[in-house]
Amino acid sequence: MRSDLEKNMQLTDYELPNHDNELIKLSKIQGIDPLILVLAYDFDCPKDQLQHRQLVSFYPELKEKYTKIVTITTDSLEEINRFRHDIGADWTFLSDPQRVVQKDLHIQDYDPQNNFMIPHTIILKPGLIIYKLYKGYKFLKGSSLEDLRRDLRAVNEQIRPSWDITKPDLHDSWLAEKKNKSFPYNNDVS
């Protein structure tokens, strides 16, 4: 991984084809919400399959909490769609067979024959700002669902002033019908 990528640095706004073969930028998918970016190794890998199955079970909770997920892989569109269907994933998958992300981030696997990406999970604040970067799978040094929950809680506390609804000024504003301080009514992120 590039040494300049650390907390509070901005990730490149990659533009890649999604599972419907439409070019899309990460920033367009993210919008004003936190984003979990999964850089996948290979969908035939049992560890990738397990990680994504766990994310499928976590996804309803993420949607309810205004969080997006994107998976980037070097697999073909056909392989991506087969995998999404097999595990029941509803989020955006991006295909990078030219290995743009892999080369830019310096995450080529040690096996040049297969030329996969070393897996990473990156928690991004709005604006593609890195909050946390996990290398590998949860079995090694990667993220668990509890790690993701904790990180997303911290990100939301930072970006959404109404995260703590017990603040007196928020309560008073709400009672006065001034909901512009409360997300999602204000549709704004600090």
Protein backbone atom coordinates (compact mmCIF):
# COMPACT_ATOMS: atom_id res chain seq x y z
CA MET A 1 0.00 0.00 0.00
CA ARG A 2 1.23 3.47 -0.82
CA SER A 3 2.85 5.06 2.22
CA ASP A 4 1.09 8.40 1.72
CA LEU A 5 -2.35 6.91 2.32
CA GLU A 6 -3.23 7.42 5.95
CA LYS A 7 -6.01 8.77 8.11
CA ASN A 8 -7.55 12.04 6.87
CA MET A 9 -5.96 11.77 3.41
CA GLN A 10 -8.22 11.82 0.35
CA LEU A 11 -8.47 8.67 -1.73
CA THR A 12 -8.44 8.97 -5.52
CA ASP A 13 -11.92 9.27 -7.02
CA TYR A 14 -11.65 6.19 -9.24
CA GLU A 15 -14.04 5.87 -12.18
CA LEU A 16 -14.72 2.25 -13.11
CA PRO A 17 -17.51 0.21 -14.72
CA ASN A 18 -20.10 -1.06 -12.26
CA HIS A 19 -21.83 -4.44 -12.39
CA ASP A 20 -24.22 -2.99 -15.03
CA ASN A 21 -21.19 -1.91 -17.14
CA GLU A 22 -21.82 1.80 -16.49
CA LEU A 23 -18.83 4.03 -15.69
CA ILE A 24 -19.24 5.56 -12.25
CA LYS A 25 -17.03 7.47 -9.81
CA LEU A 26 -16.64 6.48 -6.18
CA SER A 27 -17.74 9.97 -5.11
CA LYS A 28 -21.04 9.60 -6.94
CA ILE A 29 -21.76 6.34 -5.12
CA GLN A 30 -20.70 7.79 -1.76
CA GLY A 31 -22.65 11.03 -1.92
CA ILE A 32 -22.75 12.54 1.60
CA ASP A 33 -22.51 9.22 3.44
CA PRO A 34 -19.73 7.12 4.94
CA LEU A 35 -18.44 4.42 2.59
CA ILE A 36 -16.95 0.99 3.19
CA LEU A 37 -14.62 0.27 0.29
CA VAL A 38 -13.67 -3.39 -0.11
CA LEU A 39 -10.71 -4.12 -2.37
CA ALA A 40 -11.26 -7.79 -3.09
CA TYR A 41 -8.67 -10.45 -3.86
CA ASP A 42 -10.66 -12.93 -5.98
CA PHE A 43 -14.19 -14.26 -5.68
CA ASP A 44 -12.99 -17.87 -5.90
CA CYS A 45 -11.10 -17.27 -2.65
CA PRO A 46 -12.97 -18.72 0.37
CA LYS A 47 -11.89 -15.74 2.53
CA ASP A 48 -13.35 -13.25 0.04
CA GLN A 49 -16.55 -15.27 -0.06
CA LEU A 50 -16.81 -15.32 3.74
CA GLN A 51 -16.10 -11.59 4.06
CA HIS A 52 -18.76 -10.74 1.50
CA ARG A 53 -21.35 -13.09 3.02
CA GLN A 54 -20.82 -11.34 6.35
CA LEU A 55 -21.26 -7.96 4.62
CA VAL A 56 -24.50 -9.22 3.03
CA SER A 57 -25.86 -9.92 6.52
CA PHE A 58 -24.64 -6.50 7.72
CA TYR A 59 -25.96 -4.57 4.71
CA PRO A 60 -29.54 -3.93 5.95
CA GLU A 61 -28.11 -2.31 9.08
CA LEU A 62 -25.76 -0.17 6.95
CA LYS A 63 -28.56 1.03 4.68
CA GLU A 64 -30.64 2.04 7.68
CA LYS A 65 -27.66 4.03 9.00
CA TYR A 66 -26.95 5.85 5.70
CA THR A 67 -23.76 3.98 4.85
CA LYS A 68 -22.67 2.76 1.42
CA ILE A 69 -20.51 -0.22 0.42
CA VAL A 70 -18.51 -0.64 -2.78
CA THR A 71 -16.45 -3.66 -3.76
CA ILE A 72 -13.67 -3.24 -6.33
CA THR A 73 -12.20 -6.33 -7.92
CA THR A 74 -10.05 -7.28 -10.88
CA ASP A 75 -12.68 -9.85 -11.88
CA SER A 76 -14.69 -9.53 -15.11
CA LEU A 77 -18.24 -8.17 -15.20
CA GLU A 78 -19.54 -11.70 -15.74
CA GLU A 79 -17.70 -12.96 -12.64
CA ILE A 80 -18.87 -9.97 -10.58
CA ASN A 81 -22.51 -10.52 -11.48
CA ARG A 82 -22.30 -14.25 -10.83
CA PHE A 83 -20.76 -13.59 -7.40
CA ARG A 84 -23.28 -10.84 -6.50
CA HIS A 85 -26.13 -13.18 -7.43
CA ASP A 86 -24.67 -16.17 -5.59
CA ILE A 87 -24.27 -14.32 -2.29
CA GLY A 88 -27.26 -11.95 -2.63
CA ALA A 89 -25.28 -8.69 -2.53
CA ASP A 90 -27.25 -5.52 -3.37
CA TRP A 91 -24.48 -2.93 -3.28
CA THR A 92 -22.29 -1.64 -6.11
CA PHE A 93 -19.44 -3.75 -7.42
CA LEU A 94 -16.83 -2.17 -9.68
CA SER A 95 -14.71 -4.07 -12.19
CA ASP A 96 -11.03 -3.16 -12.62
CA PRO A 97 -9.53 -5.71 -15.01
CA GLN A 98 -6.91 -3.11 -16.11
CA ARG A 99 -5.81 -3.03 -12.44
CA VAL A 100 -5.87 0.77 -12.21
CA VAL A 101 -6.58 0.69 -8.46
CA GLN A 102 -4.10 -2.11 -7.81
CA LYS A 103 -1.30 -0.20 -9.57
CA ASP A 104 -2.18 3.19 -8.08
CA LEU A 105 -2.31 1.87 -4.51
CA HIS A 106 0.64 -0.54 -4.95
CA ILE A 107 -1.33 -3.56 -3.76
CA GLN A 108 -0.35 -6.24 -6.26
CA ASP A 109 -0.41 -9.72 -4.79
CA TYR A 110 2.88 -11.57 -4.49
CA ASP A 111 1.74 -14.12 -7.10
CA PRO A 112 2.38 -12.35 -10.44
CA GLN A 113 0.78 -15.22 -12.36
CA ASN A 114 -2.70 -14.40 -11.02
CA ASN A 115 -2.04 -10.67 -10.50
CA PHE A 116 -4.76 -10.16 -7.87
CA MET A 117 -5.01 -7.27 -5.38
CA ILE A 118 -3.95 -7.71 -1.78
CA PRO A 119 -7.30 -7.32 0.01
CA HIS A 120 -8.04 -4.15 1.94
CA THR A 121 -11.09 -2.63 3.60
CA ILE A 122 -11.14 1.17 3.81
CA ILE A 123 -13.61 3.25 5.83
CA LEU A 124 -14.14 6.60 4.10
CA LYS A 125 -15.74 9.77 5.43
CA PRO A 126 -17.61 11.94 2.91
CA GLY A 127 -15.29 13.38 0.29
CA LEU A 128 -13.42 10.03 0.10
CA ILE A 129 -11.43 10.95 3.22
CA ILE A 130 -9.73 7.94 4.78
CA TYR A 131 -10.86 7.23 8.33
CA LYS A 132 -9.45 3.71 8.74
CA LEU A 133 -7.56 1.28 6.54
CA TYR A 134 -7.55 -2.47 7.18
CA LYS A 135 -5.06 -4.73 5.40
CA GLY A 136 -5.94 -8.33 4.66
CA TYR A 137 -8.85 -10.33 6.00
CA LYS A 138 -10.31 -10.27 9.49
CA PHE A 139 -8.55 -13.55 10.23
CA LEU A 140 -5.22 -11.81 9.82
CA LYS A 141 -5.21 -8.02 10.19
CA GLY A 142 -8.49 -7.11 8.53
CA SER A 143 -11.76 -5.75 9.80
CA SER A 144 -14.50 -7.58 11.65
CA LEU A 145 -18.11 -6.44 11.60
CA GLU A 146 -17.63 -5.06 15.12
CA ASP A 147 -14.63 -3.05 13.91
CA LEU A 148 -16.78 -1.63 11.11
CA ARG A 149 -19.60 -0.76 13.53
CA ARG A 150 -17.20 1.03 15.85
CA ASP A 151 -15.55 2.93 12.99
CA LEU A 152 -18.85 3.95 11.43
CA ARG A 153 -20.16 5.13 14.80
CA ALA A 154 -17.08 7.35 15.17
CA VAL A 155 -17.40 8.67 11.60
CA ASN A 156 -21.08 9.51 12.08
CA GLU A 157 -20.32 11.33 15.34
CA GLN A 158 -17.84 13.48 13.39
CA ILE A 159 -19.90 14.24 10.28
CA ARG A 160 -23.44 14.47 11.64
CA PRO A 161 -24.04 17.05 14.36
CA SER A 162 -27.35 15.42 15.25
CA TRP A 163 -25.72 12.07 16.02
CA ASP A 164 -26.14 12.78 19.75
CA ILE A 165 -29.81 13.67 19.96
CA THR A 166 -29.55 14.35 23.68
CA LYS A 167 -27.84 17.72 23.07
CA PRO A 168 -30.16 20.42 24.46
CA ASP A 169 -29.90 22.70 21.42
CA LEU A 170 -30.99 19.87 19.10
CA HIS A 171 -33.97 19.06 21.30
CA ASP A 172 -35.00 22.71 21.49
CA SER A 173 -34.67 23.11 17.69
CA TRP A 174 -36.76 20.02 17.11
CA LEU A 175 -39.52 21.25 19.39
CA ALA A 176 -39.47 24.61 17.61
CA GLU A 177 -40.01 22.76 14.28
CA LYS A 178 -36.49 23.72 13.15
CA LYS A 179 -35.35 20.35 11.90
CA ASN A 180 -32.53 21.75 9.79
CA LYS A 181 -30.00 20.73 12.48
CA SER A 182 -31.06 17.08 12.31
CA PHE A 183 -29.88 14.59 9.71
CA PRO A 184 -31.35 13.57 7.28
CA TYR A 185 -33.71 16.56 7.33
CA ASN A 186 -30.84 18.97 6.76
CA ASN A 187 -29.29 16.71 4.10
CA ASP A 188 -25.94 18.17 5.04
CA VAL A 189 -22.71 16.86 6.45
CA SER A 190 -20.29 18.96 8.47
